[in-house]
Amino acid sequence: PMTGNAKTVRDLMNELNALEAQDQQNKQDKSLTQDQINQTNQNINQINETITKAREEVENLSVEIKELDKKIDDKDEEIKKLMNFLQISNGENAYLEYAFGAKDFTDFIYRMAISEQLAKYNDTLMTDFNQMIVDNKEKQKELKNQQVVLKEQKEKLNTELAKLGEKMSSLNSTSITLAEDIKLQKEIVQMYRDLGCKDDDDIDVC
């Protein structure tokens, strides 16, 4: 009646082979996980290098922003002085007042040329001034965005590394258990072989 449930040495060998196959798969998983850990550590090192460079850029940007603030102040003062010099009086443009104050035609041509240069310079000053303000805001925005992105990337990598560490710990525990099971299974198989059991013999009968 027990024949249907009989276990042979071959069955024990199959169980041993299954354990060894599982152990092999576990080793492959460990190798793959270690590769992922190495890659993640490499990514973290790269992001740390990027953070270091970013900090240097932050310092440089801070210096640039301070310099830009100084230039803006200087430019603002320069524009104010020029506007005071070229202020409109009694509804007439100071350029024209200057030009029509010429003593002769040659002087008039000269003064017109000077007036055109002053007008062009004034336009340039205003354009530069406005662009400096835009650049200042853009640099400050860039600085903040860069800090946020780097922080998010580092947090993501640290989370990924923690998960991989947990997985590796689990695989290591499984590896130890499988090694013990394989060792025990080999000892059992060898015991029955030493007793003279053949591969297809019922181990209880044997």
N, C-alpha and C. Protein backbone atom coordinates (compact mmCIF):
# COMPACT_ATOMS: atom_id res chain seq x y z
N PRO A 1 0.82 -1.23 0.00
CA PRO A 1 0.00 0.00 0.00
C PRO A 1 0.85 1.26 0.00
N MET A 2 2.09 1.19 0.48
CA MET A 2 2.97 2.35 0.57
C MET A 2 3.74 2.58 -0.72
N THR A 3 3.60 1.67 -1.70
CA THR A 3 4.40 1.74 -2.91
C THR A 3 4.21 3.06 -3.66
N GLY A 4 2.95 3.53 -3.70
CA GLY A 4 2.66 4.77 -4.44
C GLY A 4 3.35 5.98 -3.86
N ASN A 5 3.64 5.97 -2.57
CA ASN A 5 4.28 7.10 -1.91
C ASN A 5 5.76 6.84 -1.66
N ALA A 6 6.28 5.77 -2.23
CA ALA A 6 7.66 5.41 -1.96
C ALA A 6 8.60 6.44 -2.53
N LYS A 7 9.69 6.72 -1.81
CA LYS A 7 10.71 7.66 -2.26
C LYS A 7 11.99 6.88 -2.52
N THR A 8 12.61 7.16 -3.65
CA THR A 8 13.82 6.46 -4.03
C THR A 8 15.03 7.38 -3.89
N VAL A 9 16.20 6.77 -4.04
CA VAL A 9 17.43 7.55 -4.01
C VAL A 9 17.44 8.55 -5.18
N ARG A 10 16.85 8.13 -6.30
CA ARG A 10 16.75 9.04 -7.45
C ARG A 10 15.93 10.27 -7.10
N ASP A 11 14.84 10.05 -6.35
CA ASP A 11 14.02 11.19 -5.91
C ASP A 11 14.85 12.14 -5.05
N LEU A 12 15.65 11.56 -4.18
CA LEU A 12 16.51 12.38 -3.33
C LEU A 12 17.52 13.16 -4.18
N MET A 13 18.02 12.50 -5.22
CA MET A 13 18.96 13.16 -6.13
C MET A 13 18.28 14.30 -6.89
N ASN A 14 17.03 14.07 -7.29
CA ASN A 14 16.27 15.13 -7.99
C ASN A 14 16.06 16.33 -7.08
N GLU A 15 15.77 16.04 -5.80
CA GLU A 15 15.61 17.13 -4.83
C GLU A 15 16.93 17.88 -4.66
N LEU A 16 18.03 17.12 -4.65
CA LEU A 16 19.34 17.75 -4.54
C LEU A 16 19.63 18.62 -5.76
N ASN A 17 19.31 18.10 -6.95
CA ASN A 17 19.51 18.88 -8.17
C ASN A 17 18.68 20.16 -8.17
N ALA A 18 17.45 20.04 -7.65
CA ALA A 18 16.57 21.20 -7.59
C ALA A 18 17.14 22.26 -6.65
N LEU A 19 17.69 21.79 -5.52
CA LEU A 19 18.31 22.72 -4.57
C LEU A 19 19.53 23.39 -5.19
N GLU A 20 20.34 22.62 -5.91
CA GLU A 20 21.53 23.17 -6.54
C GLU A 20 21.16 24.16 -7.66
N ALA A 21 20.08 23.85 -8.40
CA ALA A 21 19.61 24.77 -9.43
C ALA A 21 19.12 26.08 -8.80
N GLN A 22 18.41 25.93 -7.68
CA GLN A 22 17.93 27.11 -6.96
C GLN A 22 19.10 27.93 -6.43
N ASP A 23 20.13 27.22 -5.94
CA ASP A 23 21.32 27.90 -5.44
C ASP A 23 22.03 28.65 -6.57
N GLN A 24 22.10 28.03 -7.75
CA GLN A 24 22.73 28.66 -8.90
C GLN A 24 21.98 29.92 -9.32
N GLN A 25 20.65 29.81 -9.33
CA GLN A 25 19.83 30.97 -9.67
C GLN A 25 20.01 32.08 -8.65
N ASN A 26 20.12 31.68 -7.39
CA ASN A 26 20.32 32.65 -6.33
C ASN A 26 21.65 33.38 -6.50
N LYS A 27 22.69 32.63 -6.91
CA LYS A 27 24.00 33.23 -7.15
C LYS A 27 23.94 34.23 -8.31
N GLN A 28 23.19 33.86 -9.35
CA GLN A 28 23.02 34.77 -10.48
C GLN A 28 22.29 36.04 -10.06
N ASP A 29 21.27 35.85 -9.22
CA ASP A 29 20.52 37.01 -8.72
C ASP A 29 21.43 37.91 -7.88
N LYS A 30 22.28 37.29 -7.07
CA LYS A 30 23.21 38.05 -6.25
C LYS A 30 24.20 38.83 -7.12
N SER A 31 24.69 38.15 -8.16
CA SER A 31 25.63 38.81 -9.07
C SER A 31 24.98 40.00 -9.77
N LEU A 32 23.73 39.79 -10.23
CA LEU A 32 23.00 40.86 -10.90
C LEU A 32 22.73 42.01 -9.93
N THR A 33 22.34 41.67 -8.72
CA THR A 33 22.05 42.69 -7.72
C THR A 33 23.31 43.47 -7.36
N GLN A 34 24.44 42.75 -7.27
CA GLN A 34 25.69 43.43 -6.97
C GLN A 34 26.08 44.38 -8.08
N ASP A 35 25.82 43.96 -9.33
CA ASP A 35 26.08 44.85 -10.47
C ASP A 35 25.22 46.11 -10.37
N GLN A 36 23.97 45.92 -9.97
CA GLN A 36 23.06 47.06 -9.82
C GLN A 36 23.53 47.97 -8.69
N ILE A 37 24.01 47.35 -7.60
CA ILE A 37 24.53 48.14 -6.47
C ILE A 37 25.75 48.94 -6.92
N ASN A 38 26.65 48.27 -7.65
CA ASN A 38 27.85 48.95 -8.14
C ASN A 38 27.48 50.12 -9.05
N GLN A 39 26.51 49.87 -9.94
CA GLN A 39 26.08 50.92 -10.86
C GLN A 39 25.44 52.08 -10.10
N THR A 40 24.64 51.74 -9.10
CA THR A 40 23.98 52.78 -8.30
C THR A 40 25.00 53.59 -7.53
N ASN A 41 26.00 52.89 -6.95
CA ASN A 41 27.07 53.60 -6.24
C ASN A 41 27.83 54.52 -7.19
N GLN A 42 28.03 54.03 -8.42
CA GLN A 42 28.71 54.85 -9.43
C GLN A 42 27.86 56.08 -9.76
N ASN A 43 26.55 55.86 -9.87
CA ASN A 43 25.65 56.99 -10.14
C ASN A 43 25.67 57.99 -8.98
N ILE A 44 25.72 57.46 -7.76
CA ILE A 44 25.76 58.34 -6.59
C ILE A 44 27.06 59.14 -6.58
N ASN A 45 28.17 58.46 -6.92
CA ASN A 45 29.45 59.17 -7.00
C ASN A 45 29.39 60.28 -8.05
N GLN A 46 28.75 59.95 -9.19
CA GLN A 46 28.63 60.95 -10.25
C GLN A 46 27.77 62.13 -9.80
N ILE A 47 26.67 61.81 -9.10
CA ILE A 47 25.79 62.88 -8.65
C ILE A 47 26.48 63.71 -7.57
N ASN A 48 27.33 63.05 -6.75
CA ASN A 48 28.09 63.79 -5.75
C ASN A 48 29.09 64.73 -6.42
N GLU A 49 29.71 64.24 -7.50
CA GLU A 49 30.62 65.10 -8.26
C GLU A 49 29.86 66.27 -8.86
N THR A 50 28.66 65.96 -9.37
CA THR A 50 27.83 67.02 -9.95
C THR A 50 27.43 68.03 -8.88
N ILE A 51 27.12 67.52 -7.69
CA ILE A 51 26.75 68.40 -6.58
C ILE A 51 27.93 69.30 -6.21
N THR A 52 29.14 68.69 -6.19
CA THR A 52 30.33 69.48 -5.87
C THR A 52 30.53 70.58 -6.91
N LYS A 53 30.39 70.20 -8.18
CA LYS A 53 30.52 71.19 -9.25
C LYS A 53 29.41 72.24 -9.14
N ALA A 54 28.22 71.76 -8.79
CA ALA A 54 27.09 72.68 -8.66
C ALA A 54 27.34 73.70 -7.55
N ARG A 55 27.94 73.22 -6.45
CA ARG A 55 28.25 74.14 -5.36
C ARG A 55 29.24 75.20 -5.82
N GLU A 56 30.22 74.74 -6.62
CA GLU A 56 31.18 75.70 -7.16
C GLU A 56 30.47 76.70 -8.07
N GLU A 57 29.53 76.16 -8.88
CA GLU A 57 28.76 77.03 -9.77
C GLU A 57 27.89 77.99 -8.96
N VAL A 58 27.37 77.47 -7.84
CA VAL A 58 26.55 78.32 -6.97
C VAL A 58 27.38 79.49 -6.46
N GLU A 59 28.61 79.16 -6.03
CA GLU A 59 29.49 80.23 -5.54
C GLU A 59 29.81 81.22 -6.65
N ASN A 60 30.09 80.66 -7.84
CA ASN A 60 30.40 81.54 -8.97
C ASN A 60 29.19 82.39 -9.35
N LEU A 61 28.01 81.75 -9.35
CA LEU A 61 26.78 82.48 -9.67
C LEU A 61 26.52 83.57 -8.64
N SER A 62 26.79 83.25 -7.38
CA SER A 62 26.57 84.24 -6.32
C SER A 62 27.47 85.45 -6.54
N VAL A 63 28.73 85.16 -6.92
CA VAL A 63 29.66 86.25 -7.21
C VAL A 63 29.18 87.05 -8.42
N GLU A 64 28.73 86.31 -9.47
CA GLU A 64 28.25 86.98 -10.68
C GLU A 64 27.03 87.84 -10.36
N ILE A 65 26.15 87.31 -9.53
CA ILE A 65 24.94 88.06 -9.18
C ILE A 65 25.30 89.33 -8.43
N LYS A 66 26.27 89.22 -7.51
CA LYS A 66 26.70 90.41 -6.77
C LYS A 66 27.33 91.43 -7.73
N GLU A 67 28.14 90.91 -8.64
CA GLU A 67 28.76 91.81 -9.62
C GLU A 67 27.70 92.44 -10.52
N LEU A 68 26.70 91.62 -10.88
CA LEU A 68 25.62 92.12 -11.73
C LEU A 68 24.80 93.17 -11.00
N ASP A 69 24.57 92.95 -9.71
CA ASP A 69 23.85 93.94 -8.91
C ASP A 69 24.62 95.27 -8.90
N LYS A 70 25.95 95.14 -8.76
CA LYS A 70 26.79 96.34 -8.75
C LYS A 70 26.71 97.06 -10.10
N LYS A 71 26.77 96.26 -11.18
CA LYS A 71 26.69 96.85 -12.53
C LYS A 71 25.34 97.51 -12.75
N ILE A 72 24.30 96.86 -12.24
CA ILE A 72 22.95 97.43 -12.38
C ILE A 72 22.86 98.77 -11.66
N ASP A 73 23.45 98.82 -10.46
CA ASP A 73 23.45 100.07 -9.70
C ASP A 73 24.22 101.15 -10.45
N ASP A 74 25.39 100.74 -10.98
CA ASP A 74 26.21 101.70 -11.73
C ASP A 74 25.48 102.17 -12.99
N LYS A 75 24.86 101.21 -13.67
CA LYS A 75 24.15 101.54 -14.91
C LYS A 75 22.94 102.45 -14.61
N ASP A 76 22.29 102.16 -13.52
CA ASP A 76 21.13 102.98 -13.12
C ASP A 76 21.58 104.42 -12.86
N GLU A 77 22.72 104.55 -12.17
CA GLU A 77 23.24 105.88 -11.87
C GLU A 77 23.67 106.59 -13.15
N GLU A 78 24.25 105.83 -14.08
CA GLU A 78 24.70 106.40 -15.35
C GLU A 78 23.51 106.89 -16.16
N ILE A 79 22.44 106.10 -16.17
CA ILE A 79 21.24 106.48 -16.91
C ILE A 79 20.61 107.74 -16.31
N LYS A 80 20.58 107.77 -14.98
CA LYS A 80 19.99 108.93 -14.31
C LYS A 80 20.76 110.21 -14.66
N LYS A 81 22.09 110.09 -14.67
CA LYS A 81 22.90 111.26 -15.01
C LYS A 81 22.65 111.72 -16.44
N LEU A 82 22.57 110.71 -17.34
CA LEU A 82 22.35 111.05 -18.75
C LEU A 82 20.96 111.65 -18.94
N MET A 83 19.98 111.10 -18.24
CA MET A 83 18.60 111.61 -18.38
C MET A 83 18.51 113.03 -17.83
N ASN A 84 19.27 113.29 -16.77
CA ASN A 84 19.28 114.65 -16.23
C ASN A 84 19.90 115.62 -17.24
N PHE A 85 20.93 115.13 -17.93
CA PHE A 85 21.61 115.97 -18.92
C PHE A 85 20.73 116.19 -20.15
N LEU A 86 19.96 115.13 -20.48
CA LEU A 86 19.14 115.19 -21.69
C LEU A 86 17.66 115.37 -21.38
N GLN A 87 17.35 115.94 -20.25
CA GLN A 87 15.94 116.10 -19.88
C GLN A 87 15.21 117.02 -20.86
N ILE A 88 13.95 116.76 -21.00
CA ILE A 88 13.13 117.54 -21.91
C ILE A 88 12.69 118.83 -21.21
N SER A 89 12.93 119.94 -21.85
CA SER A 89 12.61 121.24 -21.25
C SER A 89 11.63 121.98 -22.16
N ASN A 90 10.51 122.42 -21.57
CA ASN A 90 9.48 123.17 -22.29
C ASN A 90 8.98 122.42 -23.52
N GLY A 91 8.91 121.13 -23.44
CA GLY A 91 8.37 120.33 -24.52
C GLY A 91 9.33 120.12 -25.67
N GLU A 92 10.57 120.65 -25.58
CA GLU A 92 11.53 120.49 -26.66
C GLU A 92 12.62 119.53 -26.22
N ASN A 93 13.08 118.70 -27.17
CA ASN A 93 14.09 117.72 -26.87
C ASN A 93 15.44 118.39 -26.67
N ALA A 94 16.17 117.98 -25.65
CA ALA A 94 17.47 118.59 -25.35
C ALA A 94 18.45 118.39 -26.49
N TYR A 95 18.28 117.26 -27.24
CA TYR A 95 19.15 117.04 -28.39
C TYR A 95 18.99 118.19 -29.39
N LEU A 96 17.73 118.52 -29.67
CA LEU A 96 17.46 119.58 -30.64
C LEU A 96 17.95 120.93 -30.13
N GLU A 97 17.72 121.18 -28.84
CA GLU A 97 18.20 122.44 -28.26
C GLU A 97 19.70 122.56 -28.43
N TYR A 98 20.37 121.42 -28.22
CA TYR A 98 21.83 121.42 -28.35
C TYR A 98 22.23 121.66 -29.81
N ALA A 99 21.54 120.96 -30.72
CA ALA A 99 21.89 121.08 -32.15
C ALA A 99 21.62 122.47 -32.69
N PHE A 100 20.45 123.03 -32.36
CA PHE A 100 20.08 124.35 -32.91
C PHE A 100 20.81 125.49 -32.20
N GLY A 101 21.61 125.16 -31.22
CA GLY A 101 22.41 126.20 -30.56
C GLY A 101 23.73 126.42 -31.28
N ALA A 102 23.88 125.79 -32.45
CA ALA A 102 25.12 125.91 -33.21
C ALA A 102 25.33 127.33 -33.72
N LYS A 103 26.58 127.75 -33.81
CA LYS A 103 26.91 129.09 -34.28
C LYS A 103 26.92 129.17 -35.80
N ASP A 104 27.26 128.06 -36.45
CA ASP A 104 27.27 128.05 -37.91
C ASP A 104 26.89 126.66 -38.38
N PHE A 105 26.82 126.44 -39.69
CA PHE A 105 26.36 125.17 -40.26
C PHE A 105 27.30 124.01 -39.90
N THR A 106 28.59 124.29 -39.94
CA THR A 106 29.58 123.25 -39.60
C THR A 106 29.38 122.80 -38.16
N ASP A 107 29.18 123.78 -37.28
CA ASP A 107 28.94 123.46 -35.87
C ASP A 107 27.63 122.70 -35.72
N PHE A 108 26.63 123.07 -36.55
CA PHE A 108 25.34 122.40 -36.51
C PHE A 108 25.48 120.92 -36.88
N ILE A 109 26.22 120.62 -37.98
CA ILE A 109 26.45 119.25 -38.41
C ILE A 109 27.15 118.45 -37.30
N TYR A 110 28.12 119.10 -36.71
CA TYR A 110 28.87 118.46 -35.63
C TYR A 110 27.96 118.13 -34.45
N ARG A 111 27.12 119.11 -34.08
CA ARG A 111 26.23 118.90 -32.93
C ARG A 111 25.16 117.86 -33.23
N MET A 112 24.70 117.79 -34.47
CA MET A 112 23.72 116.76 -34.85
C MET A 112 24.33 115.36 -34.71
N ALA A 113 25.59 115.24 -35.13
CA ALA A 113 26.28 113.95 -35.02
C ALA A 113 26.44 113.55 -33.55
N ILE A 114 26.81 114.51 -32.74
CA ILE A 114 26.95 114.24 -31.30
C ILE A 114 25.61 113.84 -30.70
N SER A 115 24.55 114.56 -31.11
CA SER A 115 23.21 114.26 -30.59
C SER A 115 22.78 112.85 -30.96
N GLU A 116 23.06 112.44 -32.19
CA GLU A 116 22.70 111.09 -32.62
C GLU A 116 23.45 110.04 -31.81
N GLN A 117 24.73 110.30 -31.57
CA GLN A 117 25.55 109.36 -30.78
C GLN A 117 25.02 109.26 -29.35
N LEU A 118 24.66 110.42 -28.79
CA LEU A 118 24.13 110.42 -27.42
C LEU A 118 22.80 109.67 -27.35
N ALA A 119 21.95 109.87 -28.36
CA ALA A 119 20.65 109.18 -28.38
C ALA A 119 20.84 107.68 -28.49
N LYS A 120 21.76 107.29 -29.37
CA LYS A 120 22.04 105.86 -29.54
C LYS A 120 22.62 105.27 -28.27
N TYR A 121 23.52 106.01 -27.63
CA TYR A 121 24.14 105.55 -26.39
C TYR A 121 23.10 105.39 -25.29
N ASN A 122 22.17 106.34 -25.26
CA ASN A 122 21.11 106.28 -24.26
C ASN A 122 20.25 105.03 -24.47
N ASP A 123 19.92 104.73 -25.72
CA ASP A 123 19.13 103.52 -26.03
C ASP A 123 19.88 102.26 -25.62
N THR A 124 21.18 102.26 -25.88
CA THR A 124 22.02 101.11 -25.52
C THR A 124 22.05 100.92 -24.01
N LEU A 125 22.18 102.03 -23.31
CA LEU A 125 22.19 101.96 -21.84
C LEU A 125 20.89 101.35 -21.31
N MET A 126 19.78 101.78 -21.84
CA MET A 126 18.48 101.27 -21.40
C MET A 126 18.34 99.78 -21.71
N THR A 127 18.79 99.39 -22.92
CA THR A 127 18.71 97.97 -23.31
C THR A 127 19.59 97.12 -22.40
N ASP A 128 20.82 97.57 -22.17
CA ASP A 128 21.74 96.84 -21.31
C ASP A 128 21.20 96.73 -19.89
N PHE A 129 20.63 97.83 -19.43
CA PHE A 129 20.08 97.85 -18.07
C PHE A 129 18.97 96.82 -17.91
N ASN A 130 18.04 96.81 -18.87
CA ASN A 130 16.93 95.86 -18.82
C ASN A 130 17.41 94.42 -18.94
N GLN A 131 18.41 94.20 -19.80
CA GLN A 131 18.94 92.85 -19.99
C GLN A 131 19.65 92.36 -18.72
N MET A 132 20.33 93.25 -18.04
CA MET A 132 20.99 92.88 -16.79
C MET A 132 19.99 92.42 -15.74
N ILE A 133 18.87 93.11 -15.69
CA ILE A 133 17.82 92.73 -14.73
C ILE A 133 17.28 91.34 -15.06
N VAL A 134 17.06 91.09 -16.37
CA VAL A 134 16.57 89.77 -16.81
C VAL A 134 17.59 88.69 -16.49
N ASP A 135 18.88 88.96 -16.79
CA ASP A 135 19.94 87.99 -16.52
C ASP A 135 20.05 87.67 -15.04
N ASN A 136 19.89 88.68 -14.23
CA ASN A 136 19.95 88.50 -12.78
C ASN A 136 18.86 87.54 -12.31
N LYS A 137 17.65 87.77 -12.78
CA LYS A 137 16.53 86.92 -12.38
C LYS A 137 16.71 85.49 -12.90
N GLU A 138 17.21 85.35 -14.13
CA GLU A 138 17.42 84.04 -14.72
C GLU A 138 18.48 83.24 -13.96
N LYS A 139 19.55 83.91 -13.57
CA LYS A 139 20.61 83.24 -12.82
C LYS A 139 20.10 82.77 -11.46
N GLN A 140 19.31 83.58 -10.81
CA GLN A 140 18.75 83.20 -9.51
C GLN A 140 17.79 82.01 -9.66
N LYS A 141 17.00 82.04 -10.73
CA LYS A 141 16.07 80.94 -11.01
C LYS A 141 16.83 79.66 -11.32
N GLU A 142 17.87 79.78 -12.13
CA GLU A 142 18.70 78.63 -12.50
C GLU A 142 19.33 78.01 -11.26
N LEU A 143 19.79 78.85 -10.37
CA LEU A 143 20.42 78.41 -9.13
C LEU A 143 19.46 77.58 -8.29
N LYS A 144 18.25 78.07 -8.11
CA LYS A 144 17.25 77.36 -7.30
C LYS A 144 16.84 76.04 -7.96
N ASN A 145 16.60 76.05 -9.25
CA ASN A 145 16.19 74.84 -9.97
C ASN A 145 17.27 73.76 -9.91
N GLN A 146 18.51 74.17 -10.05
CA GLN A 146 19.62 73.23 -10.03
C GLN A 146 19.72 72.55 -8.67
N GLN A 147 19.54 73.30 -7.62
CA GLN A 147 19.61 72.74 -6.27
C GLN A 147 18.49 71.74 -6.03
N VAL A 148 17.30 72.04 -6.51
CA VAL A 148 16.15 71.14 -6.35
C VAL A 148 16.37 69.84 -7.10
N VAL A 149 16.82 69.94 -8.36
CA VAL A 149 17.03 68.75 -9.19
C VAL A 149 18.08 67.83 -8.59
N LEU A 150 19.19 68.38 -8.15
CA LEU A 150 20.26 67.59 -7.57
C LEU A 150 19.81 66.89 -6.29
N LYS A 151 19.05 67.58 -5.49
CA LYS A 151 18.55 67.00 -4.24
C LYS A 151 17.62 65.82 -4.54
N GLU A 152 16.73 65.98 -5.51
CA GLU A 152 15.80 64.91 -5.88
C GLU A 152 16.54 63.70 -6.43
N GLN A 153 17.54 63.94 -7.26
CA GLN A 153 18.31 62.84 -7.84
C GLN A 153 19.05 62.05 -6.77
N LYS A 154 19.63 62.74 -5.82
CA LYS A 154 20.38 62.07 -4.76
C LYS A 154 19.45 61.26 -3.86
N GLU A 155 18.30 61.82 -3.53
CA GLU A 155 17.32 61.10 -2.70
C GLU A 155 16.84 59.84 -3.40
N LYS A 156 16.60 59.94 -4.70
CA LYS A 156 16.14 58.79 -5.49
C LYS A 156 17.19 57.69 -5.51
N LEU A 157 18.45 58.08 -5.71
CA LEU A 157 19.53 57.10 -5.75
C LEU A 157 19.74 56.44 -4.38
N ASN A 158 19.63 57.21 -3.32
CA ASN A 158 19.79 56.64 -1.98
C ASN A 158 18.67 55.65 -1.66
N THR A 159 17.45 55.96 -2.10
CA THR A 159 16.32 55.05 -1.91
C THR A 159 16.54 53.76 -2.68
N GLU A 160 17.00 53.89 -3.92
CA GLU A 160 17.27 52.72 -4.76
C GLU A 160 18.36 51.86 -4.15
N LEU A 161 19.40 52.49 -3.63
CA LEU A 161 20.51 51.76 -3.02
C LEU A 161 20.05 51.01 -1.76
N ALA A 162 19.18 51.64 -0.99
CA ALA A 162 18.67 50.99 0.22
C ALA A 162 17.87 49.73 -0.14
N LYS A 163 17.05 49.83 -1.18
CA LYS A 163 16.25 48.67 -1.62
C LYS A 163 17.15 47.54 -2.11
N LEU A 164 18.18 47.90 -2.87
CA LEU A 164 19.11 46.89 -3.37
C LEU A 164 19.87 46.24 -2.21
N GLY A 165 20.19 47.03 -1.19
CA GLY A 165 20.86 46.48 -0.01
C GLY A 165 19.99 45.46 0.71
N GLU A 166 18.70 45.77 0.83
CA GLU A 166 17.76 44.83 1.45
C GLU A 166 17.64 43.55 0.63
N LYS A 167 17.59 43.71 -0.70
CA LYS A 167 17.50 42.54 -1.57
C LYS A 167 18.73 41.67 -1.44
N MET A 168 19.90 42.28 -1.38
CA MET A 168 21.15 41.52 -1.25
C MET A 168 21.20 40.79 0.08
N SER A 169 20.73 41.42 1.13
CA SER A 169 20.69 40.76 2.44
C SER A 169 19.80 39.53 2.40
N SER A 170 18.66 39.67 1.74
CA SER A 170 17.74 38.54 1.61
C SER A 170 18.37 37.41 0.80
N LEU A 171 19.04 37.76 -0.29
CA LEU A 171 19.71 36.75 -1.13
C LEU A 171 20.83 36.06 -0.37
N ASN A 172 21.55 36.81 0.45
CA ASN A 172 22.62 36.21 1.24
C ASN A 172 22.07 35.21 2.26
N SER A 173 20.95 35.57 2.88
CA SER A 173 20.31 34.67 3.83
C SER A 173 19.84 33.39 3.13
N THR A 174 19.23 33.57 1.95
CA THR A 174 18.78 32.42 1.16
C THR A 174 19.95 31.54 0.76
N SER A 175 21.06 32.19 0.41
CA SER A 175 22.26 31.46 0.00
C SER A 175 22.78 30.58 1.13
N ILE A 176 22.79 31.11 2.33
CA ILE A 176 23.25 30.34 3.50
C ILE A 176 22.33 29.15 3.74
N THR A 177 21.03 29.39 3.67
CA THR A 177 20.04 28.32 3.89
C THR A 177 20.18 27.23 2.82
N LEU A 178 20.32 27.64 1.56
CA LEU A 178 20.47 26.66 0.47
C LEU A 178 21.74 25.86 0.63
N ALA A 179 22.82 26.51 1.02
CA ALA A 179 24.09 25.80 1.22
C ALA A 179 23.94 24.72 2.29
N GLU A 180 23.24 25.06 3.36
CA GLU A 180 23.02 24.08 4.44
C GLU A 180 22.13 22.94 3.96
N ASP A 181 21.07 23.29 3.21
CA ASP A 181 20.15 22.26 2.70
C ASP A 181 20.85 21.32 1.72
N ILE A 182 21.69 21.89 0.84
CA ILE A 182 22.42 21.08 -0.13
C ILE A 182 23.38 20.14 0.58
N LYS A 183 24.08 20.66 1.57
CA LYS A 183 25.03 19.85 2.33
C LYS A 183 24.32 18.68 3.01
N LEU A 184 23.17 18.99 3.62
CA LEU A 184 22.39 17.94 4.30
C LEU A 184 21.86 16.92 3.31
N GLN A 185 21.35 17.40 2.15
CA GLN A 185 20.79 16.49 1.14
C GLN A 185 21.88 15.56 0.59
N LYS A 186 23.08 16.08 0.39
CA LYS A 186 24.18 15.25 -0.09
C LYS A 186 24.54 14.18 0.93
N GLU A 187 24.52 14.56 2.19
CA GLU A 187 24.82 13.59 3.24
C GLU A 187 23.77 12.49 3.29
N ILE A 188 22.51 12.87 3.07
CA ILE A 188 21.43 11.87 3.08
C ILE A 188 21.59 10.90 1.91
N VAL A 189 21.83 11.46 0.73
CA VAL A 189 22.02 10.61 -0.46
C VAL A 189 23.20 9.67 -0.25
N GLN A 190 24.31 10.23 0.27
CA GLN A 190 25.51 9.40 0.48
C GLN A 190 25.25 8.32 1.51
N MET A 191 24.44 8.63 2.52
CA MET A 191 24.12 7.64 3.55
C MET A 191 23.41 6.43 2.93
N TYR A 192 22.41 6.69 2.07
CA TYR A 192 21.67 5.58 1.44
C TYR A 192 22.56 4.82 0.45
N ARG A 193 23.44 5.55 -0.22
CA ARG A 193 24.36 4.86 -1.13
C ARG A 193 25.31 3.95 -0.33
N ASP A 194 25.77 4.46 0.81
CA ASP A 194 26.65 3.65 1.65
C ASP A 194 25.94 2.40 2.17
N LEU A 195 24.63 2.51 2.31
CA LEU A 195 23.84 1.36 2.76
C LEU A 195 23.59 0.37 1.62
N GLY A 196 24.01 0.74 0.40
CA GLY A 196 23.87 -0.16 -0.74
C GLY A 196 22.62 0.08 -1.56
N CYS A 197 21.93 1.16 -1.32
CA CYS A 197 20.70 1.45 -2.07
C CYS A 197 21.04 1.88 -3.49
N LYS A 198 20.25 1.36 -4.44
CA LYS A 198 20.38 1.76 -5.82
C LYS A 198 19.49 2.97 -6.08
N ASP A 199 19.67 3.59 -7.27
CA ASP A 199 18.94 4.83 -7.55
C ASP A 199 17.42 4.66 -7.49
N ASP A 200 16.92 3.50 -7.94
CA ASP A 200 15.46 3.31 -7.98
C ASP A 200 14.93 2.47 -6.84
N ASP A 201 15.76 2.22 -5.83
CA ASP A 201 15.30 1.47 -4.68
C ASP A 201 14.48 2.36 -3.76
N ASP A 202 13.42 1.75 -3.19
CA ASP A 202 12.63 2.45 -2.18
C ASP A 202 13.53 2.59 -0.94
N ILE A 203 13.75 3.83 -0.52
CA ILE A 203 14.69 4.03 0.59
C ILE A 203 14.19 3.42 1.88
N ASP A 204 12.86 3.32 2.08
CA ASP A 204 12.37 2.68 3.30
C ASP A 204 12.67 1.19 3.28
N VAL A 205 12.45 0.57 2.12
CA VAL A 205 12.71 -0.87 1.98
C VAL A 205 14.22 -1.12 2.05
N CYS A 206 14.95 -0.27 1.38
CA CYS A 206 16.41 -0.41 1.34
C CYS A 206 16.98 -0.30 2.75
